Amino acid sequence: MAKGSHRRPDKRKKKNTKYSDELKGIQRIKDRDKEIQKSKALVRQMRGKKWSEEDFEEEFESKIL
C-alpha cells in the first residue's frame, strides 16, 4: 500500500519552542501551586482546622499584589 498522506517528520512547520517552553513552565508552576493548596487543605481538614494565619496572610498578599 502507498503511504499517500504520510508526511516526513522534517517537513513539519517549526514551532516557536522558546514561547511554548515558557508557557509550559508557567503552567507547571500553576499546577504545582494548585497541588500545594490541595495538600494544605487536606492537612487542615485532617487536623480539624478551617483557618490558618499563614494561609490567610498568603491569600491576602496575593490579593493585594
PDB file of N, CA and C in Angstrom:
ATOM      1  N   MET A   1       0.838  -1.193   0.000  1.00  0.00           N
ATOM      2  CA  MET A   1       0.000   0.000   0.000  1.00  0.00           C
ATOM      3  C   MET A   1       0.876   1.246   0.000  1.00  0.00           C
ATOM      4  N   ALA A   2       0.397   2.244  -0.689  1.00  0.00           N
ATOM      5  CA  ALA A   2       1.146   3.503  -0.762  1.00  0.00           C
ATOM      6  C   ALA A   2       0.840   4.361   0.462  1.00  0.00           C
ATOM      7  N   LYS A   3       1.852   5.090   0.876  1.00  0.00           N
ATOM      8  CA  LYS A   3       1.665   5.984   2.023  1.00  0.00           C
ATOM      9  C   LYS A   3       1.295   7.370   1.494  1.00  0.00           C
ATOM     10  N   GLY A   4       0.094   7.503   1.006  1.00  0.00           N
ATOM     11  CA  GLY A   4      -0.315   8.738   0.345  1.00  0.00           C
ATOM     12  C   GLY A   4      -0.276   9.965   1.244  1.00  0.00           C
ATOM     13  N   SER A   5      -0.850   9.869   2.436  1.00  0.00           N
ATOM     14  CA  SER A   5      -0.953  11.055   3.291  1.00  0.00           C
ATOM     15  C   SER A   5       0.183  11.138   4.314  1.00  0.00           C
ATOM     16  N   HIS A   6       1.112  10.201   4.242  1.00  0.00           N
ATOM     17  CA  HIS A   6       2.215  10.199   5.214  1.00  0.00           C
ATOM     18  C   HIS A   6       3.202  11.321   4.904  1.00  0.00           C
ATOM     19  N   ARG A   7       3.512  12.136   5.916  1.00  0.00           N
ATOM     20  CA  ARG A   7       4.486  13.223   5.726  1.00  0.00           C
ATOM     21  C   ARG A   7       5.746  12.904   6.508  1.00  0.00           C
ATOM     22  N   ARG A   8       6.856  13.290   5.946  1.00  0.00           N
ATOM     23  CA  ARG A   8       8.118  13.097   6.657  1.00  0.00           C
ATOM     24  C   ARG A   8       8.175  14.052   7.842  1.00  0.00           C
ATOM     25  N   PRO A   9       8.741  13.637   8.965  1.00  0.00           N
ATOM     26  CA  PRO A   9       8.795  14.484  10.159  1.00  0.00           C
ATOM     27  C   PRO A   9       9.486  15.819   9.922  1.00  0.00           C
ATOM     28  N   ASP A  10      10.507  15.848   9.053  1.00  0.00           N
ATOM     29  CA  ASP A  10      11.254  17.092   8.848  1.00  0.00           C
ATOM     30  C   ASP A  10      10.475  18.100   8.002  1.00  0.00           C
ATOM     31  N   LYS A  11       9.341  17.698   7.436  1.00  0.00           N
ATOM     32  CA  LYS A  11       8.532  18.614   6.625  1.00  0.00           C
ATOM     33  C   LYS A  11       7.582  19.448   7.488  1.00  0.00           C
ATOM     34  N   ARG A  12       7.511  19.111   8.766  1.00  0.00           N
ATOM     35  CA  ARG A  12       6.587  19.830   9.645  1.00  0.00           C
ATOM     36  C   ARG A  12       6.971  21.288   9.816  1.00  0.00           C
ATOM     37  N   LYS A  13       5.968  22.112  10.082  1.00  0.00           N
ATOM     38  CA  LYS A  13       6.218  23.528  10.351  1.00  0.00           C
ATOM     39  C   LYS A  13       6.908  23.636  11.710  1.00  0.00           C
ATOM     40  N   LYS A  14       7.960  24.424  11.768  1.00  0.00           N
ATOM     41  CA  LYS A  14       8.677  24.584  13.029  1.00  0.00           C
ATOM     42  C   LYS A  14       7.882  25.493  13.947  1.00  0.00           C
ATOM     43  N   LYS A  15       7.739  25.064  15.193  1.00  0.00           N
ATOM     44  CA  LYS A  15       7.014  25.911  16.138  1.00  0.00           C
ATOM     45  C   LYS A  15       8.002  26.679  17.005  1.00  0.00           C
ATOM     46  N   ASN A  16       7.526  27.745  17.581  1.00  0.00           N
ATOM     47  CA  ASN A  16       8.366  28.595  18.419  1.00  0.00           C
ATOM     48  C   ASN A  16       8.557  27.901  19.768  1.00  0.00           C
ATOM     49  N   THR A  17       9.648  27.171  19.902  1.00  0.00           N
ATOM     50  CA  THR A  17       9.849  26.370  21.107  1.00  0.00           C
ATOM     51  C   THR A  17      10.116  27.234  22.326  1.00  0.00           C
ATOM     52  N   LYS A  18      10.741  28.386  22.128  1.00  0.00           N
ATOM     53  CA  LYS A  18      11.019  29.261  23.273  1.00  0.00           C
ATOM     54  C   LYS A  18       9.711  29.682  23.931  1.00  0.00           C
ATOM     55  N   TYR A  19       8.748  30.097  23.121  1.00  0.00           N
ATOM     56  CA  TYR A  19       7.453  30.545  23.626  1.00  0.00           C
ATOM     57  C   TYR A  19       6.713  29.392  24.306  1.00  0.00           C
ATOM     58  N   SER A  20       6.690  28.222  23.662  1.00  0.00           N
ATOM     59  CA  SER A  20       5.961  27.089  24.229  1.00  0.00           C
ATOM     60  C   SER A  20       6.638  26.596  25.509  1.00  0.00           C
ATOM     61  N   ASP A  21       7.962  26.674  25.582  1.00  0.00           N
ATOM     62  CA  ASP A  21       8.660  26.279  26.803  1.00  0.00           C
ATOM     63  C   ASP A  21       8.294  27.199  27.957  1.00  0.00           C
ATOM     64  N   GLU A  22       8.176  28.511  27.664  1.00  0.00           N
ATOM     65  CA  GLU A  22       7.775  29.457  28.709  1.00  0.00           C
ATOM     66  C   GLU A  22       6.375  29.137  29.202  1.00  0.00           C
ATOM     67  N   LEU A  23       5.468  28.852  28.265  1.00  0.00           N
ATOM     68  CA  LEU A  23       4.098  28.519  28.646  1.00  0.00           C
ATOM     69  C   LEU A  23       4.061  27.250  29.490  1.00  0.00           C
ATOM     70  N   LYS A  24       4.837  26.251  29.084  1.00  0.00           N
ATOM     71  CA  LYS A  24       4.889  25.004  29.847  1.00  0.00           C
ATOM     72  C   LYS A  24       5.412  25.257  31.249  1.00  0.00           C
ATOM     73  N   GLY A  25       6.424  26.116  31.359  1.00  0.00           N
ATOM     74  CA  GLY A  25       6.979  26.452  32.670  1.00  0.00           C
ATOM     75  C   GLY A  25       5.961  27.142  33.551  1.00  0.00           C
ATOM     76  N   ILE A  26       5.238  28.098  32.978  1.00  0.00           N
ATOM     77  CA  ILE A  26       4.207  28.813  33.739  1.00  0.00           C
ATOM     78  C   ILE A  26       3.120  27.845  34.182  1.00  0.00           C
ATOM     79  N   GLN A  27       2.685  26.978  33.267  1.00  0.00           N
ATOM     80  CA  GLN A  27       1.632  26.014  33.590  1.00  0.00           C
ATOM     81  C   GLN A  27       2.101  25.050  34.672  1.00  0.00           C
ATOM     82  N   ARG A  28       3.374  24.650  34.604  1.00  0.00           N
ATOM     83  CA  ARG A  28       3.918  23.738  35.614  1.00  0.00           C
ATOM     84  C   ARG A  28       3.877  24.391  36.990  1.00  0.00           C
ATOM     85  N   ILE A  29       4.234  25.685  37.050  1.00  0.00           N
ATOM     86  CA  ILE A  29       4.213  26.407  38.322  1.00  0.00           C
ATOM     87  C   ILE A  29       2.784  26.511  38.848  1.00  0.00           C
ATOM     88  N   LYS A  30       1.829  26.817  37.954  1.00  0.00           N
ATOM     89  CA  LYS A  30       0.425  26.920  38.363  1.00  0.00           C
ATOM     90  C   LYS A  30      -0.072  25.585  38.908  1.00  0.00           C
ATOM     91  N   ASP A  31       0.260  24.499  38.188  1.00  0.00           N
ATOM     92  CA  ASP A  31      -0.161  23.172  38.628  1.00  0.00           C
ATOM     93  C   ASP A  31       0.442  22.830  39.982  1.00  0.00           C
ATOM     94  N   ARG A  32       1.711  23.187  40.170  1.00  0.00           N
ATOM     95  CA  ARG A  32       2.374  22.918  41.445  1.00  0.00           C
ATOM     96  C   ARG A  32       1.684  23.684  42.572  1.00  0.00           C
ATOM     97  N   ASP A  33       1.345  24.958  42.312  1.00  0.00           N
ATOM     98  CA  ASP A  33       0.657  25.762  43.323  1.00  0.00           C
ATOM     99  C   ASP A  33      -0.698  25.164  43.678  1.00  0.00           C
ATOM    100  N   LYS A  34      -1.418  24.665  42.664  1.00  0.00           N
ATOM    101  CA  LYS A  34      -2.714  24.029  42.920  1.00  0.00           C
ATOM    102  C   LYS A  34      -2.541  22.806  43.809  1.00  0.00           C
ATOM    103  N   GLU A  35      -1.528  21.997  43.511  1.00  0.00           N
ATOM    104  CA  GLU A  35      -1.278  20.801  44.309  1.00  0.00           C
ATOM    105  C   GLU A  35      -0.929  21.172  45.748  1.00  0.00           C
ATOM    106  N   ILE A  36      -0.140  22.232  45.922  1.00  0.00           N
ATOM    107  CA  ILE A  36       0.228  22.680  47.263  1.00  0.00           C
ATOM    108  C   ILE A  36      -1.018  23.109  48.021  1.00  0.00           C
ATOM    109  N   GLN A  37      -1.900  23.870  47.366  1.00  0.00           N
ATOM    110  CA  GLN A  37      -3.134  24.325  48.011  1.00  0.00           C
ATOM    111  C   GLN A  37      -4.009  23.138  48.400  1.00  0.00           C
ATOM    112  N   LYS A  38      -4.107  22.143  47.502  1.00  0.00           N
ATOM    113  CA  LYS A  38      -4.903  20.954  47.801  1.00  0.00           C
ATOM    114  C   LYS A  38      -4.344  20.227  49.013  1.00  0.00           C
ATOM    115  N   SER A  39      -3.019  20.073  49.058  1.00  0.00           N
ATOM    116  CA  SER A  39      -2.418  19.338  50.165  1.00  0.00           C
ATOM    117  C   SER A  39      -2.580  20.106  51.472  1.00  0.00           C
ATOM    118  N   LYS A  40      -2.469  21.449  51.419  1.00  0.00           N
ATOM    119  CA  LYS A  40      -2.673  22.249  52.626  1.00  0.00           C
ATOM    120  C   LYS A  40      -4.104  22.103  53.126  1.00  0.00           C
ATOM    121  N   ALA A  41      -5.063  22.134  52.194  1.00  0.00           N
ATOM    122  CA  ALA A  41      -6.471  21.998  52.567  1.00  0.00           C
ATOM    123  C   ALA A  41      -6.722  20.627  53.185  1.00  0.00           C
ATOM    124  N   LEU A  42      -6.108  19.611  52.618  1.00  0.00           N
ATOM    125  CA  LEU A  42      -6.286  18.257  53.135  1.00  0.00           C
ATOM    126  C   LEU A  42      -5.712  18.138  54.541  1.00  0.00           C
ATOM    127  N   VAL A  43      -4.526  18.692  54.746  1.00  0.00           N
ATOM    128  CA  VAL A  43      -3.898  18.650  56.071  1.00  0.00           C
ATOM    129  C   VAL A  43      -4.777  19.387  57.074  1.00  0.00           C
ATOM    130  N   ARG A  44      -5.318  20.536  56.649  1.00  0.00           N
ATOM    131  CA  ARG A  44      -6.176  21.331  57.525  1.00  0.00           C
ATOM    132  C   ARG A  44      -7.426  20.544  57.908  1.00  0.00           C
ATOM    133  N   GLN A  45      -8.006  19.840  56.931  1.00  0.00           N
ATOM    134  CA  GLN A  45      -9.196  19.027  57.212  1.00  0.00           C
ATOM    135  C   GLN A  45      -8.868  17.916  58.197  1.00  0.00           C
ATOM    136  N   MET A  46      -7.718  17.304  58.009  1.00  0.00           N
ATOM    137  CA  MET A  46      -7.339  16.197  58.883  1.00  0.00           C
ATOM    138  C   MET A  46      -7.116  16.680  60.308  1.00  0.00           C
ATOM    139  N   ARG A  47      -6.614  17.877  60.452  1.00  0.00           N
ATOM    140  CA  ARG A  47      -6.395  18.427  61.785  1.00  0.00           C
ATOM    141  C   ARG A  47      -7.684  18.965  62.395  1.00  0.00           C
ATOM    142  N   GLY A  48      -8.678  19.196  61.553  1.00  0.00           N
ATOM    143  CA  GLY A  48      -9.925  19.768  62.041  1.00  0.00           C
ATOM    144  C   GLY A  48      -9.911  21.281  62.045  1.00  0.00           C
ATOM    145  N   LYS A  49      -8.886  21.878  61.426  1.00  0.00           N
ATOM    146  CA  LYS A  49      -8.812  23.334  61.350  1.00  0.00           C
ATOM    147  C   LYS A  49      -9.409  23.787  60.028  1.00  0.00           C
ATOM    148  N   LYS A  50     -10.037  24.953  60.059  1.00  0.00           N
ATOM    149  CA  LYS A  50     -10.565  25.505  58.815  1.00  0.00           C
ATOM    150  C   LYS A  50      -9.864  26.797  58.457  1.00  0.00           C
ATOM    151  N   TRP A  51      -9.084  27.344  59.353  1.00  0.00           N
ATOM    152  CA  TRP A  51      -8.459  28.636  59.105  1.00  0.00           C
ATOM    153  C   TRP A  51      -7.056  28.611  59.684  1.00  0.00           C
ATOM    154  N   SER A  52      -6.127  29.169  58.953  1.00  0.00           N
ATOM    155  CA  SER A  52      -4.756  29.228  59.429  1.00  0.00           C
ATOM    156  C   SER A  52      -4.184  30.594  59.090  1.00  0.00           C
ATOM    157  N   GLU A  53      -3.435  31.178  60.014  1.00  0.00           N
ATOM    158  CA  GLU A  53      -2.901  32.526  59.823  1.00  0.00           C
ATOM    159  C   GLU A  53      -1.992  32.606  58.602  1.00  0.00           C
ATOM    160  N   GLU A  54      -1.115  31.625  58.432  1.00  0.00           N
ATOM    161  CA  GLU A  54      -0.167  31.647  57.315  1.00  0.00           C
ATOM    162  C   GLU A  54      -0.893  31.684  55.975  1.00  0.00           C
ATOM    163  N   ASP A  55      -1.905  30.815  55.826  1.00  0.00           N
ATOM    164  CA  ASP A  55      -2.649  30.772  54.572  1.00  0.00           C
ATOM    165  C   ASP A  55      -3.390  32.083  54.345  1.00  0.00           C
ATOM    166  N   PHE A  56      -3.955  32.636  55.414  1.00  0.00           N
ATOM    167  CA  PHE A  56      -4.676  33.902  55.280  1.00  0.00           C
ATOM    168  C   PHE A  56      -3.729  35.005  54.829  1.00  0.00           C
ATOM    169  N   GLU A  57      -2.529  35.037  55.412  1.00  0.00           N
ATOM    170  CA  GLU A  57      -1.544  36.053  55.026  1.00  0.00           C
ATOM    171  C   GLU A  57      -1.152  35.903  53.560  1.00  0.00           C
ATOM    172  N   GLU A  58      -0.934  34.658  53.119  1.00  0.00           N
ATOM    173  CA  GLU A  58      -0.555  34.413  51.728  1.00  0.00           C
ATOM    174  C   GLU A  58      -1.659  34.865  50.776  1.00  0.00           C
ATOM    175  N   GLU A  59      -2.916  34.511  51.102  1.00  0.00           N
ATOM    176  CA  GLU A  59      -4.034  34.901  50.246  1.00  0.00           C
ATOM    177  C   GLU A  59      -4.188  36.417  50.211  1.00  0.00           C
ATOM    178  N   PHE A  60      -4.027  37.042  51.370  1.00  0.00           N
ATOM    179  CA  PHE A  60      -4.171  38.494  51.464  1.00  0.00           C
ATOM    180  C   PHE A  60      -3.103  39.192  50.626  1.00  0.00           C
ATOM    181  N   GLU A  61      -1.858  38.706  50.738  1.00  0.00           N
ATOM    182  CA  GLU A  61      -0.766  39.297  49.959  1.00  0.00           C
ATOM    183  C   GLU A  61      -0.996  39.115  48.461  1.00  0.00           C
ATOM    184  N   SER A  62      -1.478  37.942  48.069  1.00  0.00           N
ATOM    185  CA  SER A  62      -1.699  37.697  46.645  1.00  0.00           C
ATOM    186  C   SER A  62      -2.834  38.569  46.105  1.00  0.00           C
ATOM    187  N   LYS A  63      -3.840  38.857  46.943  1.00  0.00           N
ATOM    188  CA  LYS A  63      -4.928  39.736  46.501  1.00  0.00           C
ATOM    189  C   LYS A  63      -4.433  41.168  46.343  1.00  0.00           C
ATOM    190  N   ILE A  64      -3.575  41.599  47.245  1.00  0.00           N
ATOM    191  CA  ILE A  64      -3.044  42.963  47.187  1.00  0.00           C
ATOM    192  C   ILE A  64      -2.163  43.129  45.955  1.00  0.00           C
ATOM    193  N   LEU A  65      -1.280  42.165  45.725  1.00  0.00           N
ATOM    194  CA  LEU A  65      -0.354  42.224  44.582  1.00  0.00           C
ATOM    195  C   LEU A  65      -1.065  41.741  43.356  1.00  0.00           C
TER     196      LEU A  65
END
